[in-house]
C-alpha atoms as a PDB file:
ATOM      1  CA  MET A   1     121.040 120.242 117.115  1.00  0.00           C
ATOM      2  CA  ASP A   2     123.297 117.806 115.350  1.00  0.00           C
ATOM      3  CA  ILE A   3     124.395 114.737 117.257  1.00  0.00           C
ATOM      4  CA  PHE A   4     128.086 115.666 117.667  1.00  0.00           C
ATOM      5  CA  ARG A   5     127.215 118.985 119.314  1.00  0.00           C
ATOM      6  CA  LYS A   6     124.672 117.312 121.560  1.00  0.00           C
ATOM      7  CA  ARG A   7     126.930 114.479 122.640  1.00  0.00           C
ATOM      8  CA  LEU A   8     129.946 116.693 123.277  1.00  0.00           C
ATOM      9  CA  ARG A   9     127.858 118.954 125.472  1.00  0.00           C
ATOM     10  CA  GLU A  10     126.254 116.013 127.312  1.00  0.00           C
ATOM     11  CA  LEU A  11     129.607 114.357 127.988  1.00  0.00           C
ATOM     12  CA  ARG A  12     131.026 117.632 129.262  1.00  0.00           C
ATOM     13  CA  PHE A  13     128.066 118.219 131.581  1.00  0.00           C
ATOM     14  CA  GLU A  14     128.116 114.607 132.852  1.00  0.00           C
ATOM     15  CA  ARG A  15     131.695 115.169 133.984  1.00  0.00           C
ATOM     16  CA  ASP A  16     130.998 118.654 135.337  1.00  0.00           C
ATOM     17  CA  LEU A  17     133.559 120.227 132.994  1.00  0.00           C
ATOM     18  CA  LYS A  18     133.650 123.705 131.536  1.00  0.00           C
ATOM     19  CA  GLN A  19     134.491 124.468 127.941  1.00  0.00           C
ATOM     20  CA  THR A  20     137.789 125.902 129.171  1.00  0.00           C
ATOM     21  CA  ASP A  21     138.618 122.557 130.818  1.00  0.00           C
ATOM     22  CA  ILE A  22     138.181 120.748 127.519  1.00  0.00           C
ATOM     23  CA  ALA A  23     140.108 123.433 125.664  1.00  0.00           C
ATOM     24  CA  LYS A  24     143.112 122.926 127.965  1.00  0.00           C
ATOM     25  CA  VAL A  25     143.060 119.157 127.469  1.00  0.00           C
ATOM     26  CA  MET A  26     142.679 119.548 123.715  1.00  0.00           C
ATOM     27  CA  ASN A  27     145.303 122.298 123.553  1.00  0.00           C
ATOM     28  CA  VAL A  28     142.949 124.644 121.703  1.00  0.00           C
ATOM     29  CA  VAL A  29     141.539 128.049 122.578  1.00  0.00           C
ATOM     30  CA  PHE A  30     138.270 128.257 124.515  1.00  0.00           C
ATOM     31  CA  GLY A  31     136.402 129.569 121.481  1.00  0.00           C
ATOM     32  CA  THR A  32     137.117 126.370 119.581  1.00  0.00           C
ATOM     33  CA  ILE A  33     135.082 124.249 121.998  1.00  0.00           C
ATOM     34  CA  SER A  34     132.342 126.848 122.024  1.00  0.00           C
ATOM     35  CA  ASN A  35     132.244 126.810 118.224  1.00  0.00           C
ATOM     36  CA  TRP A  36     132.041 123.000 118.167  1.00  0.00           C
ATOM     37  CA  GLU A  37     129.123 123.027 120.602  1.00  0.00           C
ATOM     38  CA  ARG A  38     127.341 125.741 118.611  1.00  0.00           C
ATOM     39  CA  GLY A  39     127.916 123.962 115.302  1.00  0.00           C
ATOM     40  CA  LEU A  40     130.008 126.769 113.844  1.00  0.00           C
ATOM     41  CA  SER A  41     132.976 124.468 113.244  1.00  0.00           C
ATOM     42  CA  SER A  42     133.931 120.837 113.695  1.00  0.00           C
ATOM     43  CA  PRO A  43     136.999 119.084 115.031  1.00  0.00           C
ATOM     44  CA  ASN A  44     139.487 117.631 112.597  1.00  0.00           C
ATOM     45  CA  ILE A  45     140.228 113.887 112.651  1.00  0.00           C
ATOM     46  CA  GLU A  46     143.028 114.154 115.218  1.00  0.00           C
ATOM     47  CA  GLU A  47     140.924 116.347 117.495  1.00  0.00           C
ATOM     48  CA  LEU A  48     138.019 113.921 117.205  1.00  0.00           C
ATOM     49  CA  LYS A  49     140.284 111.039 118.228  1.00  0.00           C
ATOM     50  CA  ARG A  50     141.606 113.024 121.234  1.00  0.00           C
ATOM     51  CA  LEU A  51     138.054 113.877 122.314  1.00  0.00           C
ATOM     52  CA  ALA A  52     137.021 110.242 122.063  1.00  0.00           C
ATOM     53  CA  ASP A  53     140.051 109.169 124.092  1.00  0.00           C
ATOM     54  CA  PHE A  54     139.499 111.872 126.698  1.00  0.00           C
ATOM     55  CA  PHE A  55     135.844 110.963 127.226  1.00  0.00           C
ATOM     56  CA  ASP A  56     136.567 107.230 126.826  1.00  0.00           C
ATOM     57  CA  VAL A  57     133.991 106.847 124.063  1.00  0.00           C
ATOM     58  CA  SER A  58     134.297 105.890 120.417  1.00  0.00           C
ATOM     59  CA  ALA A  59     134.525 108.426 117.637  1.00  0.00           C
ATOM     60  CA  ASP A  60     131.482 106.666 116.173  1.00  0.00           C
ATOM     61  CA  TYR A  61     129.555 107.515 119.342  1.00  0.00           C
ATOM     62  CA  LEU A  62     130.537 111.190 119.086  1.00  0.00           C
ATOM     63  CA  LEU A  63     129.485 111.223 115.443  1.00  0.00           C
ATOM     64  CA  GLY A  64     126.167 109.531 116.097  1.00  0.00           C
ATOM     65  CA  ARG A  65     127.000 106.377 114.178  1.00  0.00           C
ATOM     66  CA  THR A  66     126.270 104.259 117.265  1.00  0.00           C
ATOM     67  CA  ASP A  67     124.575 104.743 120.597  1.00  0.00           C
ATOM     68  CA  ASN A  68     127.157 102.554 122.326  1.00  0.00           C
ATOM     69  CA  TYR A  69     130.018 104.357 124.001  1.00  0.00           C
END
């Protein structure tokens, strides 16, 4: 499992959120979050920034470039 998929899923579980919860915040359809977590697609730059802001982590953390939030 690539690091982005793993970290997105972990952050979601840590906050007891469903994929639909994230989809609403991100203003995307449910399937988009599912596809990100399954590695079938990836967020664009703006979506990555919104995810990082929402989870209060860095984009580098989501991408596996650092282990620091």
